[in-house]
mmCIF file of all heavy atoms, coordinates in Angstrom:
data_MODEL
# 
_entry.id   MODEL 
# 
loop_
_atom_site.group_PDB 
_atom_site.id 
_atom_site.type_symbol 
_atom_site.label_atom_id 
_atom_site.label_alt_id 
_atom_site.label_comp_id 
_atom_site.label_asym_id 
_atom_site.label_entity_id 
_atom_site.label_seq_id 
_atom_site.pdbx_PDB_ins_code 
_atom_site.Cartn_x 
_atom_site.Cartn_y 
_atom_site.Cartn_z 
_atom_site.occupancy 
_atom_site.B_iso_or_equiv 
_atom_site.pdbx_formal_charge 
_atom_site.auth_seq_id 
_atom_site.auth_comp_id 
_atom_site.auth_asym_id 
_atom_site.auth_atom_id 
_atom_site.pdbx_PDB_model_num 
ATOM 1   N N   . TRP A 1 1  ? -100.229 -78.823  90.969  1.00 0.00 ? 1  TRP A N   1 
ATOM 2   C CA  . TRP A 1 1  ? -99.527  -80.215  91.115  1.00 0.00 ? 1  TRP A CA  1 
ATOM 3   C C   . TRP A 1 1  ? -98.095  -79.780  91.212  1.00 0.00 ? 1  TRP A C   1 
ATOM 4   O O   . TRP A 1 1  ? -97.331  -80.482  91.990  1.00 0.00 ? 1  TRP A O   1 
ATOM 5   C CB  . TRP A 1 1  ? -99.760  -81.034  89.895  1.00 0.00 ? 1  TRP A CB  1 
ATOM 6   C CG  . TRP A 1 1  ? -98.965  -82.236  89.906  1.00 0.00 ? 1  TRP A CG  1 
ATOM 7   C CD1 . TRP A 1 1  ? -98.090  -82.682  88.869  1.00 0.00 ? 1  TRP A CD1 1 
ATOM 8   C CD2 . TRP A 1 1  ? -98.861  -83.229  90.912  1.00 0.00 ? 1  TRP A CD2 1 
ATOM 9   N NE1 . TRP A 1 1  ? -97.564  -83.885  89.249  1.00 0.00 ? 1  TRP A NE1 1 
ATOM 10  C CE2 . TRP A 1 1  ? -97.972  -84.267  90.494  1.00 0.00 ? 1  TRP A CE2 1 
ATOM 11  C CE3 . TRP A 1 1  ? -99.456  -83.408  92.139  1.00 0.00 ? 1  TRP A CE3 1 
ATOM 12  C CZ2 . TRP A 1 1  ? -97.733  -85.383  91.178  1.00 0.00 ? 1  TRP A CZ2 1 
ATOM 13  C CZ3 . TRP A 1 1  ? -99.135  -84.618  92.838  1.00 0.00 ? 1  TRP A CZ3 1 
ATOM 14  C CH2 . TRP A 1 1  ? -98.327  -85.577  92.340  1.00 0.00 ? 1  TRP A CH2 1 
ATOM 15  N N   . GLU A 1 2  ? -97.527  -78.898  90.481  1.00 0.00 ? 2  GLU A N   1 
ATOM 16  C CA  . GLU A 1 2  ? -96.069  -78.458  90.562  1.00 0.00 ? 2  GLU A CA  1 
ATOM 17  C C   . GLU A 1 2  ? -95.794  -77.951  91.954  1.00 0.00 ? 2  GLU A C   1 
ATOM 18  O O   . GLU A 1 2  ? -94.662  -78.165  92.506  1.00 0.00 ? 2  GLU A O   1 
ATOM 19  C CB  . GLU A 1 2  ? -95.686  -77.471  89.498  1.00 0.00 ? 2  GLU A CB  1 
ATOM 20  C CG  . GLU A 1 2  ? -95.670  -78.009  88.050  1.00 0.00 ? 2  GLU A CG  1 
ATOM 21  C CD  . GLU A 1 2  ? -94.708  -78.963  87.884  1.00 0.00 ? 2  GLU A CD  1 
ATOM 22  O OE1 . GLU A 1 2  ? -93.611  -78.993  88.485  1.00 0.00 ? 2  GLU A OE1 1 
ATOM 23  O OE2 . GLU A 1 2  ? -94.897  -80.013  87.114  1.00 0.00 ? 2  GLU A OE2 1 
ATOM 24  N N   . ARG A 1 3  ? -96.646  -77.089  92.520  1.00 0.00 ? 3  ARG A N   1 
ATOM 25  C CA  . ARG A 1 3  ? -96.494  -76.632  93.813  1.00 0.00 ? 3  ARG A CA  1 
ATOM 26  C C   . ARG A 1 3  ? -96.531  -77.791  94.928  1.00 0.00 ? 3  ARG A C   1 
ATOM 27  O O   . ARG A 1 3  ? -95.651  -77.805  95.795  1.00 0.00 ? 3  ARG A O   1 
ATOM 28  C CB  . ARG A 1 3  ? -97.566  -75.678  94.218  1.00 0.00 ? 3  ARG A CB  1 
ATOM 29  C CG  . ARG A 1 3  ? -97.426  -74.355  93.467  1.00 0.00 ? 3  ARG A CG  1 
ATOM 30  C CD  . ARG A 1 3  ? -98.668  -73.453  93.878  1.00 0.00 ? 3  ARG A CD  1 
ATOM 31  N NE  . ARG A 1 3  ? -98.580  -73.097  95.134  1.00 0.00 ? 3  ARG A NE  1 
ATOM 32  C CZ  . ARG A 1 3  ? -99.617  -72.349  95.779  1.00 0.00 ? 3  ARG A CZ  1 
ATOM 33  N NH1 . ARG A 1 3  ? -100.694 -72.002  95.126  1.00 0.00 ? 3  ARG A NH1 1 
ATOM 34  N NH2 . ARG A 1 3  ? -99.478  -72.036  97.155  1.00 0.00 ? 3  ARG A NH2 1 
ATOM 35  N N   . ILE A 1 4  ? -97.256  -78.848  94.765  1.00 0.00 ? 4  ILE A N   1 
ATOM 36  C CA  . ILE A 1 4  ? -97.348  -79.894  95.616  1.00 0.00 ? 4  ILE A CA  1 
ATOM 37  C C   . ILE A 1 4  ? -96.044  -80.760  95.529  1.00 0.00 ? 4  ILE A C   1 
ATOM 38  O O   . ILE A 1 4  ? -95.460  -81.054  96.545  1.00 0.00 ? 4  ILE A O   1 
ATOM 39  C CB  . ILE A 1 4  ? -98.601  -80.824  95.379  1.00 0.00 ? 4  ILE A CB  1 
ATOM 40  C CG1 . ILE A 1 4  ? -99.872  -80.098  95.684  1.00 0.00 ? 4  ILE A CG1 1 
ATOM 41  C CG2 . ILE A 1 4  ? -98.481  -82.100  96.083  1.00 0.00 ? 4  ILE A CG2 1 
ATOM 42  C CD1 . ILE A 1 4  ? -101.104 -80.822  95.295  1.00 0.00 ? 4  ILE A CD1 1 
ATOM 43  N N   . ARG A 1 5  ? -95.548  -80.944  94.357  1.00 0.00 ? 5  ARG A N   1 
ATOM 44  C CA  . ARG A 1 5  ? -94.419  -81.673  94.192  1.00 0.00 ? 5  ARG A CA  1 
ATOM 45  C C   . ARG A 1 5  ? -93.070  -81.040  94.636  1.00 0.00 ? 5  ARG A C   1 
ATOM 46  O O   . ARG A 1 5  ? -92.216  -81.636  95.127  1.00 0.00 ? 5  ARG A O   1 
ATOM 47  C CB  . ARG A 1 5  ? -94.103  -81.916  92.693  1.00 0.00 ? 5  ARG A CB  1 
ATOM 48  C CG  . ARG A 1 5  ? -95.088  -82.895  92.007  1.00 0.00 ? 5  ARG A CG  1 
ATOM 49  C CD  . ARG A 1 5  ? -94.816  -83.078  90.494  1.00 0.00 ? 5  ARG A CD  1 
ATOM 50  N NE  . ARG A 1 5  ? -93.512  -83.584  90.292  1.00 0.00 ? 5  ARG A NE  1 
ATOM 51  C CZ  . ARG A 1 5  ? -92.918  -83.772  89.141  1.00 0.00 ? 5  ARG A CZ  1 
ATOM 52  N NH1 . ARG A 1 5  ? -93.567  -83.449  88.084  1.00 0.00 ? 5  ARG A NH1 1 
ATOM 53  N NH2 . ARG A 1 5  ? -91.675  -84.318  88.955  1.00 0.00 ? 5  ARG A NH2 1 
ATOM 54  N N   . ALA A 1 6  ? -93.228  -79.683  94.825  1.00 0.00 ? 6  ALA A N   1 
ATOM 55  C CA  . ALA A 1 6  ? -92.105  -78.958  95.360  1.00 0.00 ? 6  ALA A CA  1 
ATOM 56  C C   . ALA A 1 6  ? -91.950  -78.975  96.880  1.00 0.00 ? 6  ALA A C   1 
ATOM 57  O O   . ALA A 1 6  ? -91.090  -78.561  97.416  1.00 0.00 ? 6  ALA A O   1 
ATOM 58  C CB  . ALA A 1 6  ? -92.189  -77.434  94.871  1.00 0.00 ? 6  ALA A CB  1 
ATOM 59  N N   . LEU A 1 7  ? -93.064  -79.497  97.518  1.00 0.00 ? 7  LEU A N   1 
ATOM 60  C CA  . LEU A 1 7  ? -93.043  -79.545  99.038  1.00 0.00 ? 7  LEU A CA  1 
ATOM 61  C C   . LEU A 1 7  ? -91.996  -80.493  99.626  1.00 0.00 ? 7  LEU A C   1 
ATOM 62  O O   . LEU A 1 7  ? -91.819  -81.536  98.908  1.00 0.00 ? 7  LEU A O   1 
ATOM 63  C CB  . LEU A 1 7  ? -94.545  -79.922  99.512  1.00 0.00 ? 7  LEU A CB  1 
ATOM 64  C CG  . LEU A 1 7  ? -95.614  -78.962  99.261  1.00 0.00 ? 7  LEU A CG  1 
ATOM 65  C CD1 . LEU A 1 7  ? -96.919  -79.458  99.750  1.00 0.00 ? 7  LEU A CD1 1 
ATOM 66  C CD2 . LEU A 1 7  ? -95.367  -77.590  100.080 1.00 0.00 ? 7  LEU A CD2 1 
ATOM 67  N N   . PRO A 1 8  ? -91.407  -80.308  100.698 1.00 0.00 ? 8  PRO A N   1 
ATOM 68  C CA  . PRO A 1 8  ? -90.393  -81.230  101.246 1.00 0.00 ? 8  PRO A CA  1 
ATOM 69  C C   . PRO A 1 8  ? -91.034  -82.595  101.566 1.00 0.00 ? 8  PRO A C   1 
ATOM 70  O O   . PRO A 1 8  ? -92.179  -82.655  102.118 1.00 0.00 ? 8  PRO A O   1 
ATOM 71  C CB  . PRO A 1 8  ? -90.008  -80.545  102.617 1.00 0.00 ? 8  PRO A CB  1 
ATOM 72  C CG  . PRO A 1 8  ? -90.325  -79.103  102.427 1.00 0.00 ? 8  PRO A CG  1 
ATOM 73  C CD  . PRO A 1 8  ? -91.563  -79.086  101.523 1.00 0.00 ? 8  PRO A CD  1 
ATOM 74  N N   . GLY A 1 9  ? -90.411  -83.679  101.094 1.00 0.00 ? 9  GLY A N   1 
ATOM 75  C CA  . GLY A 1 9  ? -90.779  -84.984  101.418 1.00 0.00 ? 9  GLY A CA  1 
ATOM 76  C C   . GLY A 1 9  ? -91.680  -85.615  100.407 1.00 0.00 ? 9  GLY A C   1 
ATOM 77  O O   . GLY A 1 9  ? -91.816  -86.859  100.330 1.00 0.00 ? 9  GLY A O   1 
ATOM 78  N N   . VAL A 1 10 ? -92.265  -84.863  99.441  1.00 0.00 ? 10 VAL A N   1 
ATOM 79  C CA  . VAL A 1 10 ? -93.142  -85.371  98.442  1.00 0.00 ? 10 VAL A CA  1 
ATOM 80  C C   . VAL A 1 10 ? -92.415  -86.265  97.512  1.00 0.00 ? 10 VAL A C   1 
ATOM 81  O O   . VAL A 1 10 ? -92.826  -87.333  97.139  1.00 0.00 ? 10 VAL A O   1 
ATOM 82  C CB  . VAL A 1 10 ? -93.867  -84.366  97.694  1.00 0.00 ? 10 VAL A CB  1 
ATOM 83  C CG1 . VAL A 1 10 ? -94.682  -84.808  96.522  1.00 0.00 ? 10 VAL A CG1 1 
ATOM 84  C CG2 . VAL A 1 10 ? -94.949  -83.599  98.620  1.00 0.00 ? 10 VAL A CG2 1 
ATOM 85  N N   . GLY A 1 11 ? -91.222  -85.885  97.154  1.00 0.00 ? 11 GLY A N   1 
ATOM 86  C CA  . GLY A 1 11 ? -90.471  -86.691  96.194  1.00 0.00 ? 11 GLY A CA  1 
ATOM 87  C C   . GLY A 1 11 ? -90.064  -88.046  96.738  1.00 0.00 ? 11 GLY A C   1 
ATOM 88  O O   . GLY A 1 11 ? -90.179  -88.938  96.154  1.00 0.00 ? 11 GLY A O   1 
ATOM 89  N N   . ILE A 1 12 ? -89.717  -88.053  98.057  1.00 0.00 ? 12 ILE A N   1 
ATOM 90  C CA  . ILE A 1 12 ? -89.377  -89.200  98.790  1.00 0.00 ? 12 ILE A CA  1 
ATOM 91  C C   . ILE A 1 12 ? -90.600  -90.115  98.900  1.00 0.00 ? 12 ILE A C   1 
ATOM 92  O O   . ILE A 1 12 ? -90.517  -91.334  98.635  1.00 0.00 ? 12 ILE A O   1 
ATOM 93  C CB  . ILE A 1 12 ? -88.838  -88.893  100.223 1.00 0.00 ? 12 ILE A CB  1 
ATOM 94  C CG1 . ILE A 1 12 ? -87.500  -88.163  100.120 1.00 0.00 ? 12 ILE A CG1 1 
ATOM 95  C CG2 . ILE A 1 12 ? -88.631  -90.230  100.991 1.00 0.00 ? 12 ILE A CG2 1 
ATOM 96  C CD1 . ILE A 1 12 ? -87.050  -87.618  101.446 1.00 0.00 ? 12 ILE A CD1 1 
ATOM 97  N N   . LEU A 1 13 ? -91.730  -89.542  99.246  1.00 0.00 ? 13 LEU A N   1 
ATOM 98  C CA  . LEU A 1 13 ? -93.095  -90.409  99.376  1.00 0.00 ? 13 LEU A CA  1 
ATOM 99  C C   . LEU A 1 13 ? -93.361  -91.032  97.982  1.00 0.00 ? 13 LEU A C   1 
ATOM 100 O O   . LEU A 1 13 ? -93.694  -92.153  97.907  1.00 0.00 ? 13 LEU A O   1 
ATOM 101 C CB  . LEU A 1 13 ? -94.180  -89.547  99.843  1.00 0.00 ? 13 LEU A CB  1 
ATOM 102 C CG  . LEU A 1 13 ? -94.111  -89.089  101.243 1.00 0.00 ? 13 LEU A CG  1 
ATOM 103 C CD1 . LEU A 1 13 ? -95.187  -88.042  101.593 1.00 0.00 ? 13 LEU A CD1 1 
ATOM 104 C CD2 . LEU A 1 13 ? -94.272  -90.256  102.197 1.00 0.00 ? 13 LEU A CD2 1 
ATOM 105 N N   . ALA A 1 14 ? -93.227  -90.357  96.959  1.00 0.00 ? 14 ALA A N   1 
ATOM 106 C CA  . ALA A 1 14 ? -93.446  -90.788  95.636  1.00 0.00 ? 14 ALA A CA  1 
ATOM 107 C C   . ALA A 1 14 ? -92.507  -91.955  95.271  1.00 0.00 ? 14 ALA A C   1 
ATOM 108 O O   . ALA A 1 14 ? -93.011  -92.971  94.687  1.00 0.00 ? 14 ALA A O   1 
ATOM 109 C CB  . ALA A 1 14 ? -93.381  -89.695  94.565  1.00 0.00 ? 14 ALA A CB  1 
ATOM 110 N N   . ARG A 1 15 ? -91.354  -91.789  95.549  1.00 0.00 ? 15 ARG A N   1 
ATOM 111 C CA  . ARG A 1 15 ? -90.285  -92.844  95.359  1.00 0.00 ? 15 ARG A CA  1 
ATOM 112 C C   . ARG A 1 15 ? -90.650  -94.092  96.134  1.00 0.00 ? 15 ARG A C   1 
ATOM 113 O O   . ARG A 1 15 ? -90.538  -95.187  95.627  1.00 0.00 ? 15 ARG A O   1 
ATOM 114 C CB  . ARG A 1 15 ? -88.854  -92.389  95.529  1.00 0.00 ? 15 ARG A CB  1 
ATOM 115 C CG  . ARG A 1 15 ? -88.433  -91.393  94.522  1.00 0.00 ? 15 ARG A CG  1 
ATOM 116 C CD  . ARG A 1 15 ? -86.868  -91.257  94.493  1.00 0.00 ? 15 ARG A CD  1 
ATOM 117 N NE  . ARG A 1 15 ? -86.466  -90.498  95.770  1.00 0.00 ? 15 ARG A NE  1 
ATOM 118 C CZ  . ARG A 1 15 ? -86.502  -89.192  95.885  1.00 0.00 ? 15 ARG A CZ  1 
ATOM 119 N NH1 . ARG A 1 15 ? -86.900  -88.479  94.841  1.00 0.00 ? 15 ARG A NH1 1 
ATOM 120 N NH2 . ARG A 1 15 ? -86.157  -88.646  96.952  1.00 0.00 ? 15 ARG A NH2 1 
ATOM 121 N N   . LEU A 1 16 ? -91.032  -93.938  97.436  1.00 0.00 ? 16 LEU A N   1 
ATOM 122 C CA  . LEU A 1 16 ? -91.405  -95.087  98.191  1.00 0.00 ? 16 LEU A CA  1 
ATOM 123 C C   . LEU A 1 16 ? -92.523  -95.738  97.634  1.00 0.00 ? 16 LEU A C   1 
ATOM 124 O O   . LEU A 1 16 ? -92.768  -96.982  97.506  1.00 0.00 ? 16 LEU A O   1 
ATOM 125 C CB  . LEU A 1 16 ? -91.683  -94.586  99.653  1.00 0.00 ? 16 LEU A CB  1 
ATOM 126 C CG  . LEU A 1 16 ? -90.442  -94.265  100.441 1.00 0.00 ? 16 LEU A CG  1 
ATOM 127 C CD1 . LEU A 1 16 ? -90.887  -93.736  101.788 1.00 0.00 ? 16 LEU A CD1 1 
ATOM 128 C CD2 . LEU A 1 16 ? -89.661  -95.521  100.795 1.00 0.00 ? 16 LEU A CD2 1 
ATOM 129 N N   . ARG A 1 17 ? -93.573  -94.962  97.188  1.00 0.00 ? 17 ARG A N   1 
ATOM 130 C CA  . ARG A 1 17 ? -94.763  -95.593  96.761  1.00 0.00 ? 17 ARG A CA  1 
ATOM 131 C C   . ARG A 1 17 ? -94.563  -96.339  95.513  1.00 0.00 ? 17 ARG A C   1 
ATOM 132 O O   . ARG A 1 17 ? -95.207  -97.534  95.359  1.00 0.00 ? 17 ARG A O   1 
ATOM 133 C CB  . ARG A 1 17 ? -95.785  -94.383  96.293  1.00 0.00 ? 17 ARG A CB  1 
ATOM 134 C CG  . ARG A 1 17 ? -97.026  -94.947  95.623  1.00 0.00 ? 17 ARG A CG  1 
ATOM 135 C CD  . ARG A 1 17 ? -97.888  -95.782  96.548  1.00 0.00 ? 17 ARG A CD  1 
ATOM 136 N NE  . ARG A 1 17 ? -99.002  -96.311  95.773  1.00 0.00 ? 17 ARG A NE  1 
ATOM 137 C CZ  . ARG A 1 17 ? -99.109  -97.380  94.977  1.00 0.00 ? 17 ARG A CZ  1 
ATOM 138 N NH1 . ARG A 1 17 ? -98.039  -98.040  94.864  1.00 0.00 ? 17 ARG A NH1 1 
ATOM 139 N NH2 . ARG A 1 17 ? -100.142 -97.735  94.439  1.00 0.00 ? 17 ARG A NH2 1 
ATOM 140 N N   . PHE A 1 18 ? -93.704  -96.123  94.626  1.00 0.00 ? 18 PHE A N   1 
ATOM 141 C CA  . PHE A 1 18 ? -93.451  -96.867  93.410  1.00 0.00 ? 18 PHE A CA  1 
ATOM 142 C C   . PHE A 1 18 ? -92.257  -97.772  93.548  1.00 0.00 ? 18 PHE A C   1 
ATOM 143 O O   . PHE A 1 18 ? -91.903  -98.374  92.562  1.00 0.00 ? 18 PHE A O   1 
ATOM 144 C CB  . PHE A 1 18 ? -93.284  -95.909  92.266  1.00 0.00 ? 18 PHE A CB  1 
ATOM 145 C CG  . PHE A 1 18 ? -94.585  -95.252  91.965  1.00 0.00 ? 18 PHE A CG  1 
ATOM 146 C CD1 . PHE A 1 18 ? -94.796  -93.878  92.265  1.00 0.00 ? 18 PHE A CD1 1 
ATOM 147 C CD2 . PHE A 1 18 ? -95.593  -95.877  91.328  1.00 0.00 ? 18 PHE A CD2 1 
ATOM 148 C CE1 . PHE A 1 18 ? -95.951  -93.202  91.935  1.00 0.00 ? 18 PHE A CE1 1 
ATOM 149 C CE2 . PHE A 1 18 ? -96.857  -95.291  91.014  1.00 0.00 ? 18 PHE A CE2 1 
ATOM 150 C CZ  . PHE A 1 18 ? -96.904  -93.885  91.385  1.00 0.00 ? 18 PHE A CZ  1 
ATOM 151 N N   . SER A 1 19 ? -91.588  -97.872  94.704  1.00 0.00 ? 19 SER A N   1 
ATOM 152 C CA  . SER A 1 19 ? -90.548  -98.821  94.885  1.00 0.00 ? 19 SER A CA  1 
ATOM 153 C C   . SER A 1 19 ? -91.153  -100.106 95.149  1.00 0.00 ? 19 SER A C   1 
ATOM 154 O O   . SER A 1 19 ? -92.247  -100.370 95.496  1.00 0.00 ? 19 SER A O   1 
ATOM 155 C CB  . SER A 1 19 ? -89.592  -98.423  96.039  1.00 0.00 ? 19 SER A CB  1 
ATOM 156 O OG  . SER A 1 19 ? -90.343  -98.494  97.210  1.00 0.00 ? 19 SER A OG  1 
ATOM 157 N N   . ALA A 1 20 ? -90.262  -101.155 95.055  1.00 0.00 ? 20 ALA A N   1 
ATOM 158 C CA  . ALA A 1 20 ? -90.582  -102.636 95.316  1.00 0.00 ? 20 ALA A CA  1 
ATOM 159 C C   . ALA A 1 20 ? -91.122  -102.753 96.768  1.00 0.00 ? 20 ALA A C   1 
ATOM 160 O O   . ALA A 1 20 ? -92.196  -103.377 97.079  1.00 0.00 ? 20 ALA A O   1 
ATOM 161 C CB  . ALA A 1 20 ? -89.493  -103.608 94.974  1.00 0.00 ? 20 ALA A CB  1 
ATOM 162 N N   . ALA A 1 21 ? -90.313  -102.109 97.676  1.00 0.00 ? 21 ALA A N   1 
ATOM 163 C CA  . ALA A 1 21 ? -90.612  -102.227 99.090  1.00 0.00 ? 21 ALA A CA  1 
ATOM 164 C C   . ALA A 1 21 ? -92.060  -101.506 99.406  1.00 0.00 ? 21 ALA A C   1 
ATOM 165 O O   . ALA A 1 21 ? -92.852  -101.929 100.140 1.00 0.00 ? 21 ALA A O   1 
ATOM 166 C CB  . ALA A 1 21 ? -89.616  -101.518 99.916  1.00 0.00 ? 21 ALA A CB  1 
ATOM 167 N N   . GLY A 1 22 ? -92.247  -100.317 98.699  1.00 0.00 ? 22 GLY A N   1 
ATOM 168 C CA  . GLY A 1 22 ? -93.506  -99.671  98.878  1.00 0.00 ? 22 GLY A CA  1 
ATOM 169 C C   . GLY A 1 22 ? -94.659  -100.478 98.321  1.00 0.00 ? 22 GLY A C   1 
ATOM 170 O O   . GLY A 1 22 ? -95.647  -100.506 99.005  1.00 0.00 ? 22 GLY A O   1 
ATOM 171 N N   . ARG A 1 23 ? -94.539  -101.206 97.239  1.00 0.00 ? 23 ARG A N   1 
ATOM 172 C CA  . ARG A 1 23 ? -95.592  -102.042 96.710  1.00 0.00 ? 23 ARG A CA  1 
ATOM 173 C C   . ARG A 1 23 ? -95.863  -103.133 97.700  1.00 0.00 ? 23 ARG A C   1 
ATOM 174 O O   . ARG A 1 23 ? -97.082  -103.480 97.877  1.00 0.00 ? 23 ARG A O   1 
ATOM 175 C CB  . ARG A 1 23 ? -95.205  -102.486 95.244  1.00 0.00 ? 23 ARG A CB  1 
ATOM 176 C CG  . ARG A 1 23 ? -95.294  -101.511 94.203  1.00 0.00 ? 23 ARG A CG  1 
ATOM 177 C CD  . ARG A 1 23 ? -95.253  -102.106 92.839  1.00 0.00 ? 23 ARG A CD  1 
ATOM 178 N NE  . ARG A 1 23 ? -94.046  -102.859 92.626  1.00 0.00 ? 23 ARG A NE  1 
ATOM 179 C CZ  . ARG A 1 23 ? -92.879  -102.246 92.143  1.00 0.00 ? 23 ARG A CZ  1 
ATOM 180 N NH1 . ARG A 1 23 ? -92.892  -101.031 91.783  1.00 0.00 ? 23 ARG A NH1 1 
ATOM 181 N NH2 . ARG A 1 23 ? -91.877  -103.020 91.861  1.00 0.00 ? 23 ARG A NH2 1 
ATOM 182 N N   . ARG A 1 24 ? -94.854  -103.762 98.238  1.00 0.00 ? 24 ARG A N   1 
ATOM 183 C CA  . ARG A 1 24 ? -95.076  -104.838 99.193  1.00 0.00 ? 24 ARG A CA  1 
ATOM 184 C C   . ARG A 1 24 ? -95.646  -104.415 100.408 1.00 0.00 ? 24 ARG A C   1 
ATOM 185 O O   . ARG A 1 24 ? -96.598  -105.121 100.885 1.00 0.00 ? 24 ARG A O   1 
ATOM 186 C CB  . ARG A 1 24 ? -93.690  -105.571 99.521  1.00 0.00 ? 24 ARG A CB  1 
ATOM 187 C CG  . ARG A 1 24 ? -93.063  -106.412 98.347  1.00 0.00 ? 24 ARG A CG  1 
ATOM 188 C CD  . ARG A 1 24 ? -91.961  -107.216 98.821  1.00 0.00 ? 24 ARG A CD  1 
ATOM 189 N NE  . ARG A 1 24 ? -90.905  -106.521 99.373  1.00 0.00 ? 24 ARG A NE  1 
ATOM 190 C CZ  . ARG A 1 24 ? -89.884  -106.048 98.657  1.00 0.00 ? 24 ARG A CZ  1 
ATOM 191 N NH1 . ARG A 1 24 ? -89.812  -106.398 97.305  1.00 0.00 ? 24 ARG A NH1 1 
ATOM 192 N NH2 . ARG A 1 24 ? -88.870  -105.432 99.160  1.00 0.00 ? 24 ARG A NH2 1 
ATOM 193 N N   . ALA A 1 25 ? -95.276  -103.165 100.969 1.00 0.00 ? 25 ALA A N   1 
ATOM 194 C CA  . ALA A 1 25 ? -95.997  -102.643 102.059 1.00 0.00 ? 25 ALA A CA  1 
ATOM 195 C C   . ALA A 1 25 ? -97.445  -102.411 101.890 1.00 0.00 ? 25 ALA A C   1 
ATOM 196 O O   . ALA A 1 25 ? -98.360  -102.600 102.706 1.00 0.00 ? 25 ALA A O   1 
ATOM 197 C CB  . ALA A 1 25 ? -95.235  -101.340 102.447 1.00 0.00 ? 25 ALA A CB  1 
ATOM 198 N N   . ALA A 1 26 ? -97.703  -101.869 100.660 1.00 0.00 ? 26 ALA A N   1 
ATOM 199 C CA  . ALA A 1 26 ? -99.131  -101.593 100.334 1.00 0.00 ? 26 ALA A CA  1 
ATOM 200 C C   . ALA A 1 26 ? -99.980  -102.902 100.188 1.00 0.00 ? 26 ALA A C   1 
ATOM 201 O O   . ALA A 1 26 ? -101.151 -102.945 100.709 1.00 0.00 ? 26 ALA A O   1 
ATOM 202 C CB  . ALA A 1 26 ? -99.161  -100.824 98.943  1.00 0.00 ? 26 ALA A CB  1 
ATOM 203 N N   . GLN A 1 27 ? -99.372  -103.915 99.759  1.00 0.00 ? 27 GLN A N   1 
ATOM 204 C CA  . GLN A 1 27 ? -100.043 -105.241 99.584  1.00 0.00 ? 27 GLN A CA  1 
ATOM 205 C C   . GLN A 1 27 ? -100.436 -105.763 101.055 1.00 0.00 ? 27 GLN A C   1 
ATOM 206 O O   . GLN A 1 27 ? -101.455 -106.280 101.256 1.00 0.00 ? 27 GLN A O   1 
ATOM 207 C CB  . GLN A 1 27 ? -99.253  -106.298 98.775  1.00 0.00 ? 27 GLN A CB  1 
ATOM 208 C CG  . GLN A 1 27 ? -99.124  -105.948 97.332  1.00 0.00 ? 27 GLN A CG  1 
ATOM 209 C CD  . GLN A 1 27 ? -98.181  -106.696 96.589  1.00 0.00 ? 27 GLN A CD  1 
ATOM 210 O OE1 . GLN A 1 27 ? -97.514  -107.671 97.328  1.00 0.00 ? 27 GLN A OE1 1 
ATOM 211 N NE2 . GLN A 1 27 ? -98.020  -106.561 95.326  1.00 0.00 ? 27 GLN A NE2 1 
ATOM 212 N N   . ARG A 1 28 ? -99.354  -105.733 101.911 1.00 0.00 ? 28 ARG A N   1 
ATOM 213 C CA  . ARG A 1 28 ? -99.599  -106.146 103.251 1.00 0.00 ? 28 ARG A CA  1 
ATOM 214 C C   . ARG A 1 28 ? -100.706 -105.388 104.030 1.00 0.00 ? 28 ARG A C   1 
ATOM 215 O O   . ARG A 1 28 ? -101.479 -105.885 104.775 1.00 0.00 ? 28 ARG A O   1 
ATOM 216 C CB  . ARG A 1 28 ? -98.308  -106.041 104.086 1.00 0.00 ? 28 ARG A CB  1 
ATOM 217 C CG  . ARG A 1 28 ? -97.259  -107.097 103.663 1.00 0.00 ? 28 ARG A CG  1 
ATOM 218 C CD  . ARG A 1 28 ? -96.055  -107.165 104.693 1.00 0.00 ? 28 ARG A CD  1 
ATOM 219 N NE  . ARG A 1 28 ? -95.387  -106.024 104.714 1.00 0.00 ? 28 ARG A NE  1 
ATOM 220 C CZ  . ARG A 1 28 ? -94.296  -105.768 104.017 1.00 0.00 ? 28 ARG A CZ  1 
ATOM 221 N NH1 . ARG A 1 28 ? -93.819  -106.657 103.275 1.00 0.00 ? 28 ARG A NH1 1 
ATOM 222 N NH2 . ARG A 1 28 ? -93.672  -104.609 104.192 1.00 0.00 ? 28 ARG A NH2 1 
ATOM 223 N N   . LEU A 1 29 ? -100.738 -104.122 103.785 1.00 0.00 ? 29 LEU A N   1 
ATOM 224 C CA  . LEU A 1 29 ? -101.690 -103.213 104.404 1.00 0.00 ? 29 LEU A CA  1 
ATOM 225 C C   . LEU A 1 29 ? -103.129 -103.687 103.843 1.00 0.00 ? 29 LEU A C   1 
ATOM 226 O O   . LEU A 1 29 ? -104.005 -103.581 104.667 1.00 0.00 ? 29 LEU A O   1 
ATOM 227 C CB  . LEU A 1 29 ? -101.383 -101.720 104.091 1.00 0.00 ? 29 LEU A CB  1 
ATOM 228 C CG  . LEU A 1 29 ? -102.423 -100.675 104.741 1.00 0.00 ? 29 LEU A CG  1 
ATOM 229 C CD1 . LEU A 1 29 ? -102.396 -100.913 106.246 1.00 0.00 ? 29 LEU A CD1 1 
ATOM 230 C CD2 . LEU A 1 29 ? -101.943 -99.325  104.256 1.00 0.00 ? 29 LEU A CD2 1 
# 
């Protein structure tokens, strides 16, 4: 899991997933 978290872009994806915009996008999907 630490190796996955170190990959480029993973941190950004995680922040998007748990942001308000990310939650709204998931609901629309």
